[in-house]
Amino acid sequence: MTKTLVVIGLLALAGFLAGGVYATWKTTRGLAIALAVLVVVALGGAVAWYLG
């Protein structure tokens, strides 16, 4: 896989997870916080992969 496709995939995953945070915030805050942590991990992975 090319570097660009991996970065785009990780950014798409982060966006999908961010939508989950938005959808679950009012009902299940614990799950929303866990998803937010995963968003940060996915974004960090995308940046690290791009710069690495």
N, C-alpha and C. Protein backbone atom coordinates (compact mmCIF):
# COMPACT_ATOMS: atom_id res chain seq x y z
N MET A 1 0.83 -1.18 0.00
CA MET A 1 0.00 0.00 0.00
C MET A 1 0.88 1.24 0.00
N THR A 2 0.43 2.24 -0.67
CA THR A 2 1.21 3.47 -0.68
C THR A 2 0.97 4.26 0.60
N LYS A 3 1.92 5.13 0.87
CA LYS A 3 1.86 5.95 2.08
C LYS A 3 0.59 6.80 2.11
N THR A 4 0.22 7.34 0.98
CA THR A 4 -0.94 8.22 0.91
C THR A 4 -2.24 7.48 1.24
N LEU A 5 -2.37 6.26 0.74
CA LEU A 5 -3.60 5.51 1.00
C LEU A 5 -3.75 5.17 2.48
N VAL A 6 -2.65 4.86 3.15
CA VAL A 6 -2.72 4.57 4.58
C VAL A 6 -3.13 5.81 5.35
N VAL A 7 -2.55 6.95 5.01
CA VAL A 7 -2.90 8.20 5.69
C VAL A 7 -4.37 8.55 5.47
N ILE A 8 -4.83 8.40 4.24
CA ILE A 8 -6.24 8.70 3.94
C ILE A 8 -7.15 7.73 4.70
N GLY A 9 -6.77 6.46 4.77
CA GLY A 9 -7.57 5.48 5.51
C GLY A 9 -7.64 5.81 6.99
N LEU A 10 -6.52 6.21 7.58
CA LEU A 10 -6.52 6.57 9.00
C LEU A 10 -7.35 7.83 9.25
N LEU A 11 -7.28 8.78 8.34
CA LEU A 11 -8.10 9.99 8.50
C LEU A 11 -9.59 9.67 8.35
N ALA A 12 -9.92 8.76 7.45
CA ALA A 12 -11.32 8.34 7.30
C ALA A 12 -11.79 7.62 8.55
N LEU A 13 -10.95 6.76 9.11
CA LEU A 13 -11.29 6.07 10.35
C LEU A 13 -11.51 7.07 11.48
N ALA A 14 -10.64 8.08 11.57
CA ALA A 14 -10.80 9.11 12.61
C ALA A 14 -12.12 9.85 12.43
N GLY A 15 -12.48 10.15 11.20
CA GLY A 15 -13.76 10.83 10.95
C GLY A 15 -14.95 9.97 11.32
N PHE A 16 -14.88 8.70 11.00
CA PHE A 16 -15.94 7.76 11.36
C PHE A 16 -16.09 7.67 12.87
N LEU A 17 -14.96 7.57 13.57
CA LEU A 17 -15.00 7.50 15.03
C LEU A 17 -15.49 8.81 15.64
N ALA A 18 -15.13 9.93 15.04
CA ALA A 18 -15.61 11.22 15.53
C ALA A 18 -17.13 11.31 15.41
N GLY A 19 -17.67 10.75 14.35
CA GLY A 19 -19.13 10.69 14.22
C GLY A 19 -19.75 9.84 15.32
N GLY A 20 -19.08 8.79 15.70
CA GLY A 20 -19.55 7.97 16.81
C GLY A 20 -19.52 8.73 18.13
N VAL A 21 -18.50 9.55 18.31
CA VAL A 21 -18.43 10.39 19.52
C VAL A 21 -19.62 11.33 19.56
N TYR A 22 -19.89 11.97 18.43
CA TYR A 22 -21.01 12.91 18.36
C TYR A 22 -22.35 12.21 18.62
N ALA A 23 -22.51 11.02 18.08
CA ALA A 23 -23.78 10.30 18.21
C ALA A 23 -24.01 9.76 19.62
N THR A 24 -22.95 9.40 20.32
CA THR A 24 -23.12 8.76 21.63
C THR A 24 -22.91 9.69 22.81
N TRP A 25 -22.56 10.95 22.57
CA TRP A 25 -22.21 11.84 23.67
C TRP A 25 -23.35 12.02 24.68
N LYS A 26 -24.57 12.19 24.22
CA LYS A 26 -25.68 12.46 25.14
C LYS A 26 -26.15 11.23 25.91
N THR A 27 -25.93 10.05 25.35
CA THR A 27 -26.46 8.85 25.99
C THR A 27 -25.42 8.09 26.80
N THR A 28 -24.24 7.90 26.23
CA THR A 28 -23.22 7.07 26.87
C THR A 28 -21.90 7.82 26.85
N ARG A 29 -21.66 8.60 27.87
CA ARG A 29 -20.45 9.43 27.89
C ARG A 29 -19.17 8.60 27.96
N GLY A 30 -19.20 7.49 28.67
CA GLY A 30 -18.00 6.66 28.78
C GLY A 30 -17.56 6.12 27.42
N LEU A 31 -18.51 5.64 26.64
CA LEU A 31 -18.21 5.15 25.30
C LEU A 31 -17.73 6.29 24.41
N ALA A 32 -18.34 7.45 24.55
CA ALA A 32 -17.94 8.60 23.74
C ALA A 32 -16.50 9.01 24.04
N ILE A 33 -16.12 8.96 25.30
CA ILE A 33 -14.75 9.32 25.67
C ILE A 33 -13.78 8.28 25.13
N ALA A 34 -14.14 7.01 25.20
CA ALA A 34 -13.29 5.96 24.65
C ALA A 34 -13.11 6.14 23.13
N LEU A 35 -14.19 6.47 22.45
CA LEU A 35 -14.11 6.72 21.01
C LEU A 35 -13.26 7.95 20.71
N ALA A 36 -13.35 8.97 21.56
CA ALA A 36 -12.53 10.17 21.37
C ALA A 36 -11.05 9.85 21.51
N VAL A 37 -10.72 8.97 22.42
CA VAL A 37 -9.32 8.55 22.56
C VAL A 37 -8.88 7.84 21.29
N LEU A 38 -9.73 7.01 20.74
CA LEU A 38 -9.39 6.32 19.49
C LEU A 38 -9.25 7.29 18.32
N VAL A 39 -10.03 8.36 18.33
CA VAL A 39 -9.89 9.40 17.30
C VAL A 39 -8.49 10.01 17.37
N VAL A 40 -8.06 10.33 18.58
CA VAL A 40 -6.74 10.93 18.76
C VAL A 40 -5.64 9.95 18.32
N VAL A 41 -5.81 8.68 18.64
CA VAL A 41 -4.82 7.67 18.24
C VAL A 41 -4.76 7.56 16.71
N ALA A 42 -5.92 7.54 16.06
CA ALA A 42 -5.95 7.44 14.60
C ALA A 42 -5.33 8.67 13.95
N LEU A 43 -5.63 9.84 14.47
CA LEU A 43 -5.03 11.05 13.92
C LEU A 43 -3.52 11.08 14.15
N GLY A 44 -3.11 10.68 15.33
CA GLY A 44 -1.68 10.61 15.61
C GLY A 44 -0.98 9.61 14.72
N GLY A 45 -1.62 8.48 14.47
CA GLY A 45 -1.06 7.49 13.56
C GLY A 45 -0.95 8.01 12.14
N ALA A 46 -1.94 8.75 11.70
CA ALA A 46 -1.90 9.33 10.36
C ALA A 46 -0.75 10.32 10.23
N VAL A 47 -0.60 11.16 11.22
CA VAL A 47 0.49 12.15 11.19
C VAL A 47 1.84 11.46 11.26
N ALA A 48 1.97 10.48 12.13
CA ALA A 48 3.24 9.77 12.27
C ALA A 48 3.59 9.02 10.98
N TRP A 49 2.58 8.39 10.36
CA TRP A 49 2.82 7.66 9.13
C TRP A 49 3.23 8.61 8.00
N TYR A 50 2.59 9.77 7.96
CA TYR A 50 2.89 10.75 6.92
C TYR A 50 4.29 11.33 7.07
N LEU A 51 4.67 11.61 8.30
CA LEU A 51 5.98 12.21 8.54
C LEU A 51 7.12 11.19 8.58
N GLY A 52 6.77 9.93 8.81
CA GLY A 52 7.79 8.91 8.99
C GLY A 52 8.40 8.35 7.77
